[in-house]
Amino acid sequence: MLHPETLEAYRRMTPSERLAIALEMIRANAQRLFSGSPEIVERRVAILNQQNHDRNQQMLTAISRSRRSHG
């Protein structure tokens, strides 16, 4: 979890500033993601896909809950 001050700094950034940070993080870490044996790379990608799926499910659950309580 990010420190509240860090979160506030991100909120004050423009979308282009946040995108620049995200792209820099991708550039810095992509090589490691795809290094190693095919099995290791496949495992890393599978973990990332599962984490993304879990986050999407949590967001959809929250949206659904919000719509029920306001709808």
N, C-alpha and C. Protein backbone atom coordinates (compact mmCIF):
# COMPACT_ATOMS: atom_id res chain seq x y z
N MET A 1 0.84 -1.18 0.00
CA MET A 1 0.00 0.00 0.00
C MET A 1 0.89 1.24 0.00
N LEU A 2 0.49 2.21 -0.77
CA LEU A 2 1.28 3.44 -0.87
C LEU A 2 0.95 4.37 0.29
N HIS A 3 1.93 5.15 0.66
CA HIS A 3 1.76 6.16 1.71
C HIS A 3 0.73 7.19 1.25
N PRO A 4 -0.11 7.68 2.15
CA PRO A 4 -1.13 8.67 1.74
C PRO A 4 -0.55 9.89 1.02
N GLU A 5 0.62 10.33 1.41
CA GLU A 5 1.23 11.48 0.73
C GLU A 5 1.60 11.13 -0.72
N THR A 6 2.05 9.90 -0.93
CA THR A 6 2.39 9.46 -2.28
C THR A 6 1.12 9.39 -3.13
N LEU A 7 0.06 8.85 -2.56
CA LEU A 7 -1.21 8.79 -3.28
C LEU A 7 -1.69 10.19 -3.66
N GLU A 8 -1.57 11.12 -2.75
CA GLU A 8 -2.01 12.49 -3.02
C GLU A 8 -1.15 13.11 -4.13
N ALA A 9 0.13 12.82 -4.12
CA ALA A 9 1.01 13.34 -5.18
C ALA A 9 0.58 12.78 -6.54
N TYR A 10 0.24 11.49 -6.59
CA TYR A 10 -0.23 10.89 -7.84
C TYR A 10 -1.55 11.52 -8.29
N ARG A 11 -2.43 11.81 -7.35
CA ARG A 11 -3.71 12.43 -7.70
C ARG A 11 -3.53 13.82 -8.30
N ARG A 12 -2.49 14.52 -7.86
CA ARG A 12 -2.24 15.88 -8.38
C ARG A 12 -1.57 15.86 -9.75
N MET A 13 -1.02 14.72 -10.15
CA MET A 13 -0.34 14.62 -11.45
C MET A 13 -1.35 14.63 -12.59
N THR A 14 -0.86 15.07 -13.73
CA THR A 14 -1.69 14.99 -14.93
C THR A 14 -1.67 13.55 -15.43
N PRO A 15 -2.64 13.18 -16.25
CA PRO A 15 -2.62 11.83 -16.81
C PRO A 15 -1.32 11.53 -17.56
N SER A 16 -0.79 12.51 -18.27
CA SER A 16 0.45 12.27 -19.02
C SER A 16 1.63 12.03 -18.07
N GLU A 17 1.64 12.67 -16.92
CA GLU A 17 2.71 12.44 -15.95
C GLU A 17 2.61 11.02 -15.37
N ARG A 18 1.38 10.60 -15.06
CA ARG A 18 1.19 9.24 -14.54
C ARG A 18 1.55 8.20 -15.60
N LEU A 19 1.20 8.46 -16.85
CA LEU A 19 1.54 7.55 -17.94
C LEU A 19 3.06 7.45 -18.09
N ALA A 20 3.76 8.56 -17.99
CA ALA A 20 5.22 8.54 -18.11
C ALA A 20 5.84 7.67 -17.02
N ILE A 21 5.32 7.75 -15.81
CA ILE A 21 5.82 6.91 -14.72
C ILE A 21 5.55 5.43 -15.03
N ALA A 22 4.34 5.14 -15.48
CA ALA A 22 3.99 3.75 -15.79
C ALA A 22 4.87 3.19 -16.90
N LEU A 23 5.11 3.97 -17.94
CA LEU A 23 5.95 3.51 -19.05
C LEU A 23 7.39 3.29 -18.61
N GLU A 24 7.88 4.15 -17.74
CA GLU A 24 9.23 3.98 -17.23
C GLU A 24 9.33 2.70 -16.39
N MET A 25 8.32 2.42 -15.60
CA MET A 25 8.32 1.19 -14.81
C MET A 25 8.30 -0.04 -15.72
N ILE A 26 7.54 0.03 -16.80
CA ILE A 26 7.50 -1.08 -17.75
C ILE A 26 8.87 -1.27 -18.39
N ARG A 27 9.48 -0.17 -18.84
CA ARG A 27 10.81 -0.26 -19.45
C ARG A 27 11.82 -0.87 -18.48
N ALA A 28 11.74 -0.47 -17.23
CA ALA A 28 12.72 -0.92 -16.24
C ALA A 28 12.53 -2.40 -15.89
N ASN A 29 11.33 -2.94 -16.02
CA ASN A 29 11.06 -4.29 -15.53
C ASN A 29 10.73 -5.32 -16.59
N ALA A 30 10.48 -4.91 -17.82
CA ALA A 30 10.07 -5.85 -18.87
C ALA A 30 11.14 -6.89 -19.15
N GLN A 31 12.40 -6.49 -19.16
CA GLN A 31 13.47 -7.43 -19.48
C GLN A 31 13.49 -8.58 -18.48
N ARG A 32 13.31 -8.27 -17.20
CA ARG A 32 13.31 -9.32 -16.19
C ARG A 32 12.11 -10.24 -16.35
N LEU A 33 10.97 -9.68 -16.69
CA LEU A 33 9.76 -10.48 -16.85
C LEU A 33 9.96 -11.57 -17.89
N PHE A 34 10.64 -11.26 -18.97
CA PHE A 34 10.80 -12.20 -20.07
C PHE A 34 12.13 -12.91 -20.10
N SER A 35 12.90 -12.85 -19.01
CA SER A 35 14.17 -13.57 -18.97
C SER A 35 13.97 -14.90 -18.24
N GLY A 36 14.75 -15.87 -18.61
CA GLY A 36 14.66 -17.19 -17.99
C GLY A 36 14.10 -18.21 -18.95
N SER A 37 13.90 -19.39 -18.44
CA SER A 37 13.40 -20.48 -19.27
C SER A 37 11.95 -20.19 -19.67
N PRO A 38 11.48 -20.82 -20.74
CA PRO A 38 10.09 -20.61 -21.15
C PRO A 38 9.09 -20.94 -20.04
N GLU A 39 9.39 -21.94 -19.22
CA GLU A 39 8.50 -22.31 -18.13
C GLU A 39 8.39 -21.20 -17.09
N ILE A 40 9.53 -20.60 -16.78
CA ILE A 40 9.54 -19.51 -15.79
C ILE A 40 8.78 -18.30 -16.33
N VAL A 41 9.03 -17.96 -17.59
CA VAL A 41 8.34 -16.82 -18.21
C VAL A 41 6.84 -17.08 -18.23
N GLU A 42 6.45 -18.29 -18.60
CA GLU A 42 5.03 -18.65 -18.64
C GLU A 42 4.41 -18.51 -17.25
N ARG A 43 5.13 -18.96 -16.24
CA ARG A 43 4.62 -18.86 -14.86
C ARG A 43 4.45 -17.40 -14.44
N ARG A 44 5.45 -16.56 -14.75
CA ARG A 44 5.36 -15.14 -14.39
C ARG A 44 4.16 -14.48 -15.07
N VAL A 45 3.98 -14.76 -16.35
CA VAL A 45 2.87 -14.17 -17.09
C VAL A 45 1.54 -14.68 -16.54
N ALA A 46 1.48 -15.95 -16.19
CA ALA A 46 0.25 -16.51 -15.61
C ALA A 46 -0.08 -15.84 -14.28
N ILE A 47 0.92 -15.58 -13.47
CA ILE A 47 0.71 -14.90 -12.19
C ILE A 47 0.17 -13.49 -12.43
N LEU A 48 0.79 -12.77 -13.37
CA LEU A 48 0.32 -11.42 -13.68
C LEU A 48 -1.12 -11.44 -14.18
N ASN A 49 -1.44 -12.38 -15.06
CA ASN A 49 -2.80 -12.49 -15.57
C ASN A 49 -3.79 -12.77 -14.45
N GLN A 50 -3.42 -13.65 -13.51
CA GLN A 50 -4.31 -13.96 -12.40
C GLN A 50 -4.50 -12.74 -11.50
N GLN A 51 -3.43 -12.02 -11.23
CA GLN A 51 -3.53 -10.81 -10.41
C GLN A 51 -4.43 -9.77 -11.08
N ASN A 52 -4.28 -9.60 -12.38
CA ASN A 52 -5.13 -8.66 -13.12
C ASN A 52 -6.59 -9.10 -13.06
N HIS A 53 -6.83 -10.40 -13.24
CA HIS A 53 -8.18 -10.93 -13.17
C HIS A 53 -8.79 -10.68 -11.79
N ASP A 54 -8.02 -10.94 -10.75
CA ASP A 54 -8.51 -10.73 -9.38
C ASP A 54 -8.86 -9.26 -9.13
N ARG A 55 -8.00 -8.35 -9.60
CA ARG A 55 -8.28 -6.91 -9.43
C ARG A 55 -9.54 -6.52 -10.18
N ASN A 56 -9.68 -7.01 -11.41
CA ASN A 56 -10.88 -6.71 -12.19
C ASN A 56 -12.13 -7.22 -11.48
N GLN A 57 -12.07 -8.42 -10.93
CA GLN A 57 -13.22 -8.97 -10.21
C GLN A 57 -13.57 -8.11 -8.99
N GLN A 58 -12.56 -7.66 -8.27
CA GLN A 58 -12.80 -6.82 -7.10
C GLN A 58 -13.46 -5.50 -7.51
N MET A 59 -13.00 -4.92 -8.62
CA MET A 59 -13.61 -3.67 -9.09
C MET A 59 -15.06 -3.90 -9.51
N LEU A 60 -15.31 -4.98 -10.24
CA LEU A 60 -16.67 -5.27 -10.67
C LEU A 60 -17.59 -5.52 -9.47
N THR A 61 -17.09 -6.19 -8.47
CA THR A 61 -17.88 -6.44 -7.26
C THR A 61 -18.20 -5.12 -6.57
N ALA A 62 -17.23 -4.24 -6.46
CA ALA A 62 -17.45 -2.94 -5.82
C ALA A 62 -18.43 -2.09 -6.61
N ILE A 63 -18.32 -2.11 -7.93
CA ILE A 63 -19.25 -1.35 -8.77
C ILE A 63 -20.66 -1.89 -8.61
N SER A 64 -20.79 -3.20 -8.61
CA SER A 64 -22.10 -3.82 -8.44
C SER A 64 -22.70 -3.46 -7.08
N ARG A 65 -21.90 -3.52 -6.04
CA ARG A 65 -22.36 -3.17 -4.69
C ARG A 65 -22.80 -1.71 -4.66
N SER A 66 -22.02 -0.86 -5.30
CA SER A 66 -22.33 0.58 -5.32
C SER A 66 -23.64 0.84 -6.05
N ARG A 67 -23.84 0.17 -7.17
CA ARG A 67 -25.07 0.36 -7.94
C ARG A 67 -26.30 -0.11 -7.15
N ARG A 68 -26.16 -1.21 -6.43
CA ARG A 68 -27.28 -1.72 -5.62
C ARG A 68 -27.64 -0.75 -4.51
N SER A 69 -26.63 -0.15 -3.88
CA SER A 69 -26.90 0.74 -2.76
C SER A 69 -27.39 2.12 -3.21
N HIS A 70 -27.11 2.49 -4.47
CA HIS A 70 -27.54 3.80 -4.97
C HIS A 70 -28.67 3.69 -5.99
N GLY A 71 -29.04 2.49 -6.33
CA GLY A 71 -29.93 2.33 -7.44
C GLY A 71 -31.35 2.09 -7.17
